[in-house]
Amino acid sequence: AVQGRFTISRDSRKNTAYLQMNILKPEDTAVYHCAYKNSRLILSELR
């Protein structure tokens, strides 16, 4: 639903992640939560 409109990035110096949301649609309305894991999840675990 967000492919091509949203990007995810990180600033390691600030220990901050970003979600850039472009071309927003009314159906994007929601409470957004960030989540963090202190290791690398495997691909199948990300969702």
ModelCIF file with pLDDT and N, C-alpha, C, O atoms, coordinates in Angstrom:
data_MODEL
#
_entry.id   MODEL 
#
_entity.id                         1 
_entity.type                       polymer 
_entity.pdbx_number_of_molecules   1 
#
_entity_poly.entity_id                      1 
_entity_poly.type                           'polypeptide(L)' 
_entity_poly.nstd_linkage                   no 
_entity_poly.nstd_monomer                   no 
_entity_poly.pdbx_seq_one_letter_code       AVQGRFTISRDSRKNTAYLQMNILKPEDTAVYHCAYKNSRLILSELR 
_entity_poly.pdbx_seq_one_letter_code_can   AVQGRFTISRDSRKNTAYLQMNILKPEDTAVYHCAYKNSRLILSELR 
_entity_poly.pdbx_strand_id                 A 
#
loop_
_entity_poly_seq.entity_id 
_entity_poly_seq.num 
_entity_poly_seq.mon_id 
_entity_poly_seq.hetero 
1 1  ALA n 
1 2  VAL n 
1 3  GLN n 
1 4  GLY n 
1 5  ARG n 
1 6  PHE n 
1 7  THR n 
1 8  ILE n 
1 9  SER n 
1 10 ARG n 
1 11 ASP n 
1 12 SER n 
1 13 ARG n 
1 14 LYS n 
1 15 ASN n 
1 16 THR n 
1 17 ALA n 
1 18 TYR n 
1 19 LEU n 
1 20 GLN n 
1 21 MET n 
1 22 ASN n 
1 23 ILE n 
1 24 LEU n 
1 25 LYS n 
1 26 PRO n 
1 27 GLU n 
1 28 ASP n 
1 29 THR n 
1 30 ALA n 
1 31 VAL n 
1 32 TYR n 
1 33 HIS n 
1 34 CYS n 
1 35 ALA n 
1 36 TYR n 
1 37 LYS n 
1 38 ASN n 
1 39 SER n 
1 40 ARG n 
1 41 LEU n 
1 42 ILE n 
1 43 LEU n 
1 44 SER n 
1 45 GLU n 
1 46 LEU n 
1 47 ARG n 
#
_struct_asym.id          A 
_struct_asym.entity_id   1 
#
loop_
_ma_qa_metric.id 
_ma_qa_metric.mode 
_ma_qa_metric.name 
_ma_qa_metric.software_group_id 
_ma_qa_metric.type 
1 global pLDDT . pLDDT 
2 local  pLDDT . pLDDT 
#
_ma_qa_metric_global.metric_id      1 
_ma_qa_metric_global.metric_value   96.89 
_ma_qa_metric_global.model_id       1 
_ma_qa_metric_global.ordinal_id     1 
#
loop_
_ma_qa_metric_local.label_asym_id 
_ma_qa_metric_local.label_comp_id 
_ma_qa_metric_local.label_seq_id 
_ma_qa_metric_local.metric_id 
_ma_qa_metric_local.metric_value 
_ma_qa_metric_local.model_id 
_ma_qa_metric_local.ordinal_id 
A ALA 1  2 98.00 1 1  
A VAL 2  2 98.00 1 2  
A GLN 3  2 98.00 1 3  
A GLY 4  2 98.00 1 4  
A ARG 5  2 98.00 1 5  
A PHE 6  2 98.00 1 6  
A THR 7  2 98.00 1 7  
A ILE 8  2 98.00 1 8  
A SER 9  2 96.00 1 9  
A ARG 10 2 96.00 1 10 
A ASP 11 2 95.00 1 11 
A SER 12 2 92.00 1 12 
A ARG 13 2 94.00 1 13 
A LYS 14 2 95.00 1 14 
A ASN 15 2 95.00 1 15 
A THR 16 2 97.00 1 16 
A ALA 17 2 97.00 1 17 
A TYR 18 2 98.00 1 18 
A LEU 19 2 98.00 1 19 
A GLN 20 2 98.00 1 20 
A MET 21 2 98.00 1 21 
A ASN 22 2 98.00 1 22 
A ILE 23 2 98.00 1 23 
A LEU 24 2 98.00 1 24 
A LYS 25 2 98.00 1 25 
A PRO 26 2 97.00 1 26 
A GLU 27 2 97.00 1 27 
A ASP 28 2 98.00 1 28 
A THR 29 2 98.00 1 29 
A ALA 30 2 98.00 1 30 
A VAL 31 2 98.00 1 31 
A TYR 32 2 98.00 1 32 
A HIS 33 2 98.00 1 33 
A CYS 34 2 98.00 1 34 
A ALA 35 2 98.00 1 35 
A TYR 36 2 98.00 1 36 
A LYS 37 2 97.00 1 37 
A ASN 38 2 95.00 1 38 
A SER 39 2 95.00 1 39 
A ARG 40 2 96.00 1 40 
A LEU 41 2 96.00 1 41 
A ILE 42 2 95.00 1 42 
A LEU 43 2 94.00 1 43 
A SER 44 2 95.00 1 44 
A GLU 45 2 96.00 1 45 
A LEU 46 2 97.00 1 46 
A ARG 47 2 97.00 1 47 
#
loop_
_atom_site.group_PDB 
_atom_site.id 
_atom_site.type_symbol 
_atom_site.label_atom_id 
_atom_site.label_alt_id 
_atom_site.label_comp_id 
_atom_site.label_asym_id 
_atom_site.label_entity_id 
_atom_site.label_seq_id 
_atom_site.pdbx_PDB_ins_code 
_atom_site.Cartn_x 
_atom_site.Cartn_y 
_atom_site.Cartn_z 
_atom_site.occupancy 
_atom_site.B_iso_or_equiv 
_atom_site.pdbx_formal_charge 
_atom_site.auth_seq_id 
_atom_site.auth_comp_id 
_atom_site.auth_asym_id 
_atom_site.auth_atom_id 
_atom_site.pdbx_PDB_model_num 
ATOM 1   N N  . ALA A 1 1  ? 0.808  -1.224  0.000  1.00 98.00 ? 1  ALA A N  1 
ATOM 2   C CA . ALA A 1 1  ? 0.000  0.000   0.000  1.00 98.00 ? 1  ALA A CA 1 
ATOM 3   C C  . ALA A 1 1  ? 0.840  1.272   0.000  1.00 98.00 ? 1  ALA A C  1 
ATOM 4   O O  . ALA A 1 1  ? 0.342  2.338   -0.362 1.00 98.00 ? 1  ALA A O  1 
ATOM 5   N N  . VAL A 1 2  ? 2.104  1.175   0.400  1.00 98.00 ? 2  VAL A N  1 
ATOM 6   C CA . VAL A 1 2  ? 2.945  2.377   0.491  1.00 98.00 ? 2  VAL A CA 1 
ATOM 7   C C  . VAL A 1 2  ? 4.152  2.319   -0.432 1.00 98.00 ? 2  VAL A C  1 
ATOM 8   O O  . VAL A 1 2  ? 4.905  3.287   -0.540 1.00 98.00 ? 2  VAL A O  1 
ATOM 9   N N  . GLN A 1 3  ? 4.333  1.191   -1.092 1.00 98.00 ? 3  GLN A N  1 
ATOM 10  C CA . GLN A 1 3  ? 5.473  1.030   -1.994 1.00 98.00 ? 3  GLN A CA 1 
ATOM 11  C C  . GLN A 1 3  ? 5.505  2.163   -3.015 1.00 98.00 ? 3  GLN A C  1 
ATOM 12  O O  . GLN A 1 3  ? 4.496  2.477   -3.645 1.00 98.00 ? 3  GLN A O  1 
ATOM 13  N N  . GLY A 1 4  ? 6.666  2.763   -3.165 1.00 98.00 ? 4  GLY A N  1 
ATOM 14  C CA . GLY A 1 4  ? 6.813  3.845   -4.132 1.00 98.00 ? 4  GLY A CA 1 
ATOM 15  C C  . GLY A 1 4  ? 6.467  5.219   -3.583 1.00 98.00 ? 4  GLY A C  1 
ATOM 16  O O  . GLY A 1 4  ? 6.773  6.231   -4.214 1.00 98.00 ? 4  GLY A O  1 
ATOM 17  N N  . ARG A 1 5  ? 5.834  5.270   -2.419 1.00 98.00 ? 5  ARG A N  1 
ATOM 18  C CA . ARG A 1 5  ? 5.468  6.559   -1.819 1.00 98.00 ? 5  ARG A CA 1 
ATOM 19  C C  . ARG A 1 5  ? 6.228  6.832   -0.528 1.00 98.00 ? 5  ARG A C  1 
ATOM 20  O O  . ARG A 1 5  ? 6.493  7.989   -0.205 1.00 98.00 ? 5  ARG A O  1 
ATOM 21  N N  . PHE A 1 6  ? 6.577  5.800   0.206  1.00 98.00 ? 6  PHE A N  1 
ATOM 22  C CA . PHE A 1 6  ? 7.268  5.935   1.489  1.00 98.00 ? 6  PHE A CA 1 
ATOM 23  C C  . PHE A 1 6  ? 8.694  5.442   1.366  1.00 98.00 ? 6  PHE A C  1 
ATOM 24  O O  . PHE A 1 6  ? 8.992  4.538   0.586  1.00 98.00 ? 6  PHE A O  1 
ATOM 25  N N  . THR A 1 7  ? 9.572  6.049   2.149  1.00 98.00 ? 7  THR A N  1 
ATOM 26  C CA . THR A 1 7  ? 10.935 5.555   2.272  1.00 98.00 ? 7  THR A CA 1 
ATOM 27  C C  . THR A 1 7  ? 11.309 5.480   3.748  1.00 98.00 ? 7  THR A C  1 
ATOM 28  O O  . THR A 1 7  ? 10.769 6.213   4.577  1.00 98.00 ? 7  THR A O  1 
ATOM 29  N N  . ILE A 1 8  ? 12.229 4.597   4.059  1.00 98.00 ? 8  ILE A N  1 
ATOM 30  C CA . ILE A 1 8  ? 12.725 4.449   5.427  1.00 98.00 ? 8  ILE A CA 1 
ATOM 31  C C  . ILE A 1 8  ? 14.222 4.671   5.405  1.00 98.00 ? 8  ILE A C  1 
ATOM 32  O O  . ILE A 1 8  ? 14.927 4.182   4.522  1.00 98.00 ? 8  ILE A O  1 
ATOM 33  N N  . SER A 1 9  ? 14.699 5.418   6.390  1.00 96.00 ? 9  SER A N  1 
ATOM 34  C CA . SER A 1 9  ? 16.125 5.708   6.458  1.00 96.00 ? 9  SER A CA 1 
ATOM 35  C C  . SER A 1 9  ? 16.545 5.797   7.918  1.00 96.00 ? 9  SER A C  1 
ATOM 36  O O  . SER A 1 9  ? 15.723 5.737   8.833  1.00 96.00 ? 9  SER A O  1 
ATOM 37  N N  . ARG A 1 10 ? 17.846 5.942   8.102  1.00 96.00 ? 10 ARG A N  1 
ATOM 38  C CA . ARG A 1 10 ? 18.368 6.016   9.456  1.00 96.00 ? 10 ARG A CA 1 
ATOM 39  C C  . ARG A 1 10 ? 19.573 6.941   9.484  1.00 96.00 ? 10 ARG A C  1 
ATOM 40  O O  . ARG A 1 10 ? 20.378 6.963   8.554  1.00 96.00 ? 10 ARG A O  1 
ATOM 41  N N  . ASP A 1 11 ? 19.683 7.698   10.559 1.00 95.00 ? 11 ASP A N  1 
ATOM 42  C CA . ASP A 1 11 ? 20.879 8.484   10.846 1.00 95.00 ? 11 ASP A CA 1 
ATOM 43  C C  . ASP A 1 11 ? 21.559 7.821   12.042 1.00 95.00 ? 11 ASP A C  1 
ATOM 44  O O  . ASP A 1 11 ? 21.105 7.955   13.178 1.00 95.00 ? 11 ASP A O  1 
ATOM 45  N N  . SER A 1 12 ? 22.640 7.114   11.779 1.00 92.00 ? 12 SER A N  1 
ATOM 46  C CA . SER A 1 12 ? 23.276 6.346   12.844 1.00 92.00 ? 12 SER A CA 1 
ATOM 47  C C  . SER A 1 12 ? 23.873 7.247   13.920 1.00 92.00 ? 12 SER A C  1 
ATOM 48  O O  . SER A 1 12 ? 23.947 6.861   15.086 1.00 92.00 ? 12 SER A O  1 
ATOM 49  N N  . ARG A 1 13 ? 24.299 8.446   13.531 1.00 94.00 ? 13 ARG A N  1 
ATOM 50  C CA . ARG A 1 13 ? 24.902 9.355   14.515 1.00 94.00 ? 13 ARG A CA 1 
ATOM 51  C C  . ARG A 1 13 ? 23.867 9.817   15.527 1.00 94.00 ? 13 ARG A C  1 
ATOM 52  O O  . ARG A 1 13 ? 24.185 10.066  16.690 1.00 94.00 ? 13 ARG A O  1 
ATOM 53  N N  . LYS A 1 14 ? 22.632 9.927   15.075 1.00 95.00 ? 14 LYS A N  1 
ATOM 54  C CA . LYS A 1 14 ? 21.555 10.386  15.946 1.00 95.00 ? 14 LYS A CA 1 
ATOM 55  C C  . LYS A 1 14 ? 20.748 9.221   16.496 1.00 95.00 ? 14 LYS A C  1 
ATOM 56  O O  . LYS A 1 14 ? 19.838 9.420   17.301 1.00 95.00 ? 14 LYS A O  1 
ATOM 57  N N  . ASN A 1 15 ? 21.070 8.018   16.074 1.00 95.00 ? 15 ASN A N  1 
ATOM 58  C CA . ASN A 1 15 ? 20.300 6.828   16.445 1.00 95.00 ? 15 ASN A CA 1 
ATOM 59  C C  . ASN A 1 15 ? 18.810 7.044   16.188 1.00 95.00 ? 15 ASN A C  1 
ATOM 60  O O  . ASN A 1 15 ? 17.954 6.742   17.019 1.00 95.00 ? 15 ASN A O  1 
ATOM 61  N N  . THR A 1 16 ? 18.551 7.566   15.033 1.00 97.00 ? 16 THR A N  1 
ATOM 62  C CA . THR A 1 16 ? 17.187 7.950   14.662 1.00 97.00 ? 16 THR A CA 1 
ATOM 63  C C  . THR A 1 16 ? 16.811 7.337   13.326 1.00 97.00 ? 16 THR A C  1 
ATOM 64  O O  . THR A 1 16 ? 17.592 7.348   12.375 1.00 97.00 ? 16 THR A O  1 
ATOM 65  N N  . ALA A 1 17 ? 15.605 6.804   13.272 1.00 97.00 ? 17 ALA A N  1 
ATOM 66  C CA . ALA A 1 17 ? 15.048 6.298   12.025 1.00 97.00 ? 17 ALA A CA 1 
ATOM 67  C C  . ALA A 1 17 ? 13.972 7.265   11.545 1.00 97.00 ? 17 ALA A C  1 
ATOM 68  O O  . ALA A 1 17 ? 13.337 7.964   12.334 1.00 97.00 ? 17 ALA A O  1 
ATOM 69  N N  . TYR A 1 18 ? 13.789 7.283   10.237 1.00 98.00 ? 18 TYR A N  1 
ATOM 70  C CA . TYR A 1 18 ? 12.823 8.188   9.622  1.00 98.00 ? 18 TYR A CA 1 
ATOM 71  C C  . TYR A 1 18 ? 11.905 7.420   8.692  1.00 98.00 ? 18 TYR A C  1 
ATOM 72  O O  . TYR A 1 18 ? 12.301 6.440   8.060  1.00 98.00 ? 18 TYR A O  1 
ATOM 73  N N  . LEU A 1 19 ? 10.677 7.887   8.627  1.00 98.00 ? 19 LEU A N  1 
ATOM 74  C CA . LEU A 1 19 ? 9.743  7.395   7.628  1.00 98.00 ? 19 LEU A CA 1 
ATOM 75  C C  . LEU A 1 19 ? 9.282  8.613   6.837  1.00 98.00 ? 19 LEU A C  1 
ATOM 76  O O  . LEU A 1 19 ? 8.509  9.437   7.327  1.00 98.00 ? 19 LEU A O  1 
ATOM 77  N N  . GLN A 1 20 ? 9.764  8.707   5.626  1.00 98.00 ? 20 GLN A N  1 
ATOM 78  C CA . GLN A 1 20 ? 9.346  9.784   4.737  1.00 98.00 ? 20 GLN A CA 1 
ATOM 79  C C  . GLN A 1 20 ? 8.121  9.329   3.974  1.00 98.00 ? 20 GLN A C  1 
ATOM 80  O O  . GLN A 1 20 ? 8.157  8.324   3.264  1.00 98.00 ? 20 GLN A O  1 
ATOM 81  N N  . MET A 1 21 ? 7.045  10.066  4.123  1.00 98.00 ? 21 MET A N  1 
ATOM 82  C CA . MET A 1 21 ? 5.775  9.676   3.508  1.00 98.00 ? 21 MET A CA 1 
ATOM 83  C C  . MET A 1 21 ? 5.380  10.737  2.495  1.00 98.00 ? 21 MET A C  1 
ATOM 84  O O  . MET A 1 21 ? 5.148  11.894  2.848  1.00 98.00 ? 21 MET A O  1 
ATOM 85  N N  . ASN A 1 22 ? 5.307  10.339  1.256  1.00 98.00 ? 22 ASN A N  1 
ATOM 86  C CA . ASN A 1 22 ? 4.942  11.239  0.167  1.00 98.00 ? 22 ASN A CA 1 
ATOM 87  C C  . ASN A 1 22 ? 3.633  10.793  -0.469 1.00 98.00 ? 22 ASN A C  1 
ATOM 88  O O  . ASN A 1 22 ? 3.184  9.660   -0.294 1.00 98.00 ? 22 ASN A O  1 
ATOM 89  N N  . ILE A 1 23 ? 3.042  11.709  -1.203 1.00 98.00 ? 23 ILE A N  1 
ATOM 90  C CA . ILE A 1 23 ? 1.781  11.436  -1.908 1.00 98.00 ? 23 ILE A CA 1 
ATOM 91  C C  . ILE A 1 23 ? 0.796  10.769  -0.963 1.00 98.00 ? 23 ILE A C  1 
ATOM 92  O O  . ILE A 1 23 ? 0.226  9.722   -1.272 1.00 98.00 ? 23 ILE A O  1 
ATOM 93  N N  . LEU A 1 24 ? 0.609  11.383  0.179  1.00 98.00 ? 24 LEU A N  1 
ATOM 94  C CA . LEU A 1 24 ? -0.245 10.792  1.201  1.00 98.00 ? 24 LEU A CA 1 
ATOM 95  C C  . LEU A 1 24 ? -1.700 10.746  0.741  1.00 98.00 ? 24 LEU A C  1 
ATOM 96  O O  . LEU A 1 24 ? -2.182 11.612  0.011  1.00 98.00 ? 24 LEU A O  1 
ATOM 97  N N  . LYS A 1 25 ? -2.372 9.697   1.200  1.00 98.00 ? 25 LYS A N  1 
ATOM 98  C CA . LYS A 1 25 ? -3.768 9.456   0.846  1.00 98.00 ? 25 LYS A CA 1 
ATOM 99  C C  . LYS A 1 25 ? -4.598 9.399   2.122  1.00 98.00 ? 25 LYS A C  1 
ATOM 100 O O  . LYS A 1 25 ? -4.057 9.102   3.188  1.00 98.00 ? 25 LYS A O  1 
ATOM 101 N N  . PRO A 1 26 ? -5.882 9.673   2.044  1.00 97.00 ? 26 PRO A N  1 
ATOM 102 C CA . PRO A 1 26 ? -6.725 9.573   3.244  1.00 97.00 ? 26 PRO A CA 1 
ATOM 103 C C  . PRO A 1 26 ? -6.630 8.207   3.915  1.00 97.00 ? 26 PRO A C  1 
ATOM 104 O O  . PRO A 1 26 ? -6.742 8.115   5.137  1.00 97.00 ? 26 PRO A O  1 
ATOM 105 N N  . GLU A 1 27 ? -6.428 7.168   3.153  1.00 97.00 ? 27 GLU A N  1 
ATOM 106 C CA . GLU A 1 27 ? -6.333 5.826   3.738  1.00 97.00 ? 27 GLU A CA 1 
ATOM 107 C C  . GLU A 1 27 ? -5.024 5.595   4.499  1.00 97.00 ? 27 GLU A C  1 
ATOM 108 O O  . GLU A 1 27 ? -4.851 4.554   5.133  1.00 97.00 ? 27 GLU A O  1 
ATOM 109 N N  . ASP A 1 28 ? -4.113 6.549   4.437  1.00 98.00 ? 28 ASP A N  1 
ATOM 110 C CA . ASP A 1 28 ? -2.890 6.475   5.250  1.00 98.00 ? 28 ASP A CA 1 
ATOM 111 C C  . ASP A 1 28 ? -3.124 6.984   6.669  1.00 98.00 ? 28 ASP A C  1 
ATOM 112 O O  . ASP A 1 28 ? -2.242 6.883   7.521  1.00 98.00 ? 28 ASP A O  1 
ATOM 113 N N  . THR A 1 29 ? -4.297 7.525   6.920  1.00 98.00 ? 29 THR A N  1 
ATOM 114 C CA . THR A 1 29 ? -4.613 8.036   8.254  1.00 98.00 ? 29 THR A CA 1 
ATOM 115 C C  . THR A 1 29 ? -4.557 6.921   9.280  1.00 98.00 ? 29 THR A C  1 
ATOM 116 O O  . THR A 1 29 ? -5.230 5.900   9.140  1.00 98.00 ? 29 THR A O  1 
ATOM 117 N N  . ALA A 1 30 ? -3.751 7.121   10.310 1.00 98.00 ? 30 ALA A N  1 
ATOM 118 C CA . ALA A 1 30 ? -3.554 6.098   11.336 1.00 98.00 ? 30 ALA A CA 1 
ATOM 119 C C  . ALA A 1 30 ? -2.616 6.647   12.405 1.00 98.00 ? 30 ALA A C  1 
ATOM 120 O O  . ALA A 1 30 ? -2.020 7.712   12.249 1.00 98.00 ? 30 ALA A O  1 
ATOM 121 N N  . VAL A 1 31 ? -2.504 5.899   13.480 1.00 98.00 ? 31 VAL A N  1 
ATOM 122 C CA . VAL A 1 31 ? -1.427 6.133   14.441 1.00 98.00 ? 31 VAL A CA 1 
ATOM 123 C C  . VAL A 1 31 ? -0.237 5.298   13.985 1.00 98.00 ? 31 VAL A C  1 
ATOM 124 O O  . VAL A 1 31 ? -0.343 4.086   13.794 1.00 98.00 ? 31 VAL A O  1 
ATOM 125 N N  . TYR A 1 32 ? 0.874  5.958   13.818 1.00 98.00 ? 32 TYR A N  1 
ATOM 126 C CA . TYR A 1 32 ? 2.083  5.295   13.340 1.00 98.00 ? 32 TYR A CA 1 
ATOM 127 C C  . TYR A 1 32 ? 3.010  5.031   14.523 1.00 98.00 ? 32 TYR A C  1 
ATOM 128 O O  . TYR A 1 32 ? 3.252  5.904   15.356 1.00 98.00 ? 32 TYR A O  1 
ATOM 129 N N  . HIS A 1 33 ? 3.515  3.814   14.568 1.00 98.00 ? 33 HIS A N  1 
ATOM 130 C CA . HIS A 1 33 ? 4.442  3.408   15.624 1.00 98.00 ? 33 HIS A CA 1 
ATOM 131 C C  . HIS A 1 33 ? 5.752  2.950   15.010 1.00 98.00 ? 33 HIS A C  1 
ATOM 132 O O  . HIS A 1 33 ? 5.768  2.217   14.021 1.00 98.00 ? 33 HIS A O  1 
ATOM 133 N N  . CYS A 1 34 ? 6.851  3.391   15.610 1.00 98.00 ? 34 CYS A N  1 
ATOM 134 C CA . CYS A 1 34 ? 8.123  2.808   15.221 1.00 98.00 ? 34 CYS A CA 1 
ATOM 135 C C  . CYS A 1 34 ? 8.405  1.623   16.133 1.00 98.00 ? 34 CYS A C  1 
ATOM 136 O O  . CYS A 1 34 ? 7.936  1.559   17.269 1.00 98.00 ? 34 CYS A O  1 
ATOM 137 N N  . ALA A 1 35 ? 9.175  0.699   15.609 1.00 98.00 ? 35 ALA A N  1 
ATOM 138 C CA . ALA A 1 35 ? 9.565  -0.491  16.356 1.00 98.00 ? 35 ALA A CA 1 
ATOM 139 C C  . ALA A 1 35 ? 11.043 -0.740  16.134 1.00 98.00 ? 35 ALA A C  1 
ATOM 140 O O  . ALA A 1 35 ? 11.592 -0.383  15.092 1.00 98.00 ? 35 ALA A O  1 
ATOM 141 N N  . TYR A 1 36 ? 11.678 -1.348  17.108 1.00 98.00 ? 36 TYR A N  1 
ATOM 142 C CA . TYR A 1 36 ? 13.137 -1.490  17.062 1.00 98.00 ? 36 TYR A CA 1 
ATOM 143 C C  . TYR A 1 36 ? 13.542 -2.844  17.636 1.00 98.00 ? 36 TYR A C  1 
ATOM 144 O O  . TYR A 1 36 ? 12.966 -3.344  18.602 1.00 98.00 ? 36 TYR A O  1 
ATOM 145 N N  . LYS A 1 37 ? 14.546 -3.401  17.002 1.00 97.00 ? 37 LYS A N  1 
ATOM 146 C CA . LYS A 1 37 ? 15.128 -4.648  17.486 1.00 97.00 ? 37 LYS A CA 1 
ATOM 147 C C  . LYS A 1 37 ? 16.631 -4.458  17.551 1.00 97.00 ? 37 LYS A C  1 
ATOM 148 O O  . LYS A 1 37 ? 17.238 -3.916  16.628 1.00 97.00 ? 37 LYS A O  1 
ATOM 149 N N  . ASN A 1 38 ? 17.233 -4.910  18.652 1.00 95.00 ? 38 ASN A N  1 
ATOM 150 C CA . ASN A 1 38 ? 18.670 -4.730  18.852 1.00 95.00 ? 38 ASN A CA 1 
ATOM 151 C C  . ASN A 1 38 ? 19.480 -5.816  18.148 1.00 95.00 ? 38 ASN A C  1 
ATOM 152 O O  . ASN A 1 38 ? 20.473 -6.303  18.689 1.00 95.00 ? 38 ASN A O  1 
ATOM 153 N N  . SER A 1 39 ? 19.063 -6.188  16.963 1.00 95.00 ? 39 SER A N  1 
ATOM 154 C CA . SER A 1 39 ? 19.771 -7.151  16.132 1.00 95.00 ? 39 SER A CA 1 
ATOM 155 C C  . SER A 1 39 ? 19.132 -7.105  14.747 1.00 95.00 ? 39 SER A C  1 
ATOM 156 O O  . SER A 1 39 ? 18.137 -6.410  14.543 1.00 95.00 ? 39 SER A O  1 
ATOM 157 N N  . ARG A 1 40 ? 19.689 -7.828  13.821 1.00 96.00 ? 40 ARG A N  1 
ATOM 158 C CA . ARG A 1 40 ? 19.125 -7.886  12.477 1.00 96.00 ? 40 ARG A CA 1 
ATOM 159 C C  . ARG A 1 40 ? 18.117 -9.030  12.407 1.00 96.00 ? 40 ARG A C  1 
ATOM 160 O O  . ARG A 1 40 ? 18.472 -10.201 12.548 1.00 96.00 ? 40 ARG A O  1 
ATOM 161 N N  . LEU A 1 41 ? 16.881 -8.675  12.192 1.00 96.00 ? 41 LEU A N  1 
ATOM 162 C CA . LEU A 1 41 ? 15.878 -9.708  11.936 1.00 96.00 ? 41 LEU A CA 1 
ATOM 163 C C  . LEU A 1 41 ? 16.097 -10.273 10.537 1.00 96.00 ? 41 LEU A C  1 
ATOM 164 O O  . LEU A 1 41 ? 16.655 -9.603  9.668  1.00 96.00 ? 41 LEU A O  1 
ATOM 165 N N  . ILE A 1 42 ? 15.659 -11.496 10.332 1.00 95.00 ? 42 ILE A N  1 
ATOM 166 C CA . ILE A 1 42 ? 15.728 -12.029 8.970  1.00 95.00 ? 42 ILE A CA 1 
ATOM 167 C C  . ILE A 1 42 ? 14.538 -11.497 8.184  1.00 95.00 ? 42 ILE A C  1 
ATOM 168 O O  . ILE A 1 42 ? 13.560 -11.012 8.753  1.00 95.00 ? 42 ILE A O  1 
ATOM 169 N N  . LEU A 1 43 ? 14.641 -11.598 6.892  1.00 94.00 ? 43 LEU A N  1 
ATOM 170 C CA . LEU A 1 43 ? 13.660 -10.975 6.000  1.00 94.00 ? 43 LEU A CA 1 
ATOM 171 C C  . LEU A 1 43 ? 12.238 -11.393 6.342  1.00 94.00 ? 43 LEU A C  1 
ATOM 172 O O  . LEU A 1 43 ? 11.325 -10.567 6.341  1.00 94.00 ? 43 LEU A O  1 
ATOM 173 N N  . SER A 1 44 ? 12.054 -12.655 6.629  1.00 95.00 ? 44 SER A N  1 
ATOM 174 C CA . SER A 1 44 ? 10.704 -13.170 6.876  1.00 95.00 ? 44 SER A CA 1 
ATOM 175 C C  . SER A 1 44 ? 10.122 -12.702 8.203  1.00 95.00 ? 44 SER A C  1 
ATOM 176 O O  . SER A 1 44 ? 8.932  -12.884 8.461  1.00 95.00 ? 44 SER A O  1 
ATOM 177 N N  . GLU A 1 45 ? 10.949 -12.107 9.036  1.00 96.00 ? 45 GLU A N  1 
ATOM 178 C CA . GLU A 1 45 ? 10.491 -11.659 10.349 1.00 96.00 ? 45 GLU A CA 1 
ATOM 179 C C  . GLU A 1 45 ? 10.089 -10.191 10.371 1.00 96.00 ? 45 GLU A C  1 
ATOM 180 O O  . GLU A 1 45 ? 9.471  -9.731  11.332 1.00 96.00 ? 45 GLU A O  1 
ATOM 181 N N  . LEU A 1 46 ? 10.432 -9.454  9.327  1.00 97.00 ? 46 LEU A N  1 
ATOM 182 C CA . LEU A 1 46 ? 10.294 -7.996  9.371  1.00 97.00 ? 46 LEU A CA 1 
ATOM 183 C C  . LEU A 1 46 ? 8.849  -7.526  9.491  1.00 97.00 ? 46 LEU A C  1 
ATOM 184 O O  . LEU A 1 46 ? 8.596  -6.492  10.108 1.00 97.00 ? 46 LEU A O  1 
ATOM 185 N N  . ARG A 1 47 ? 7.915  -8.243  8.928  1.00 97.00 ? 47 ARG A N  1 
ATOM 186 C CA . ARG A 1 47 ? 6.534  -7.763  8.864  1.00 97.00 ? 47 ARG A CA 1 
ATOM 187 C C  . ARG A 1 47 ? 5.715  -8.089  10.103 1.00 97.00 ? 47 ARG A C  1 
ATOM 188 O O  . ARG A 1 47 ? 4.537  -7.739  10.173 1.00 97.00 ? 47 ARG A O  1 
#
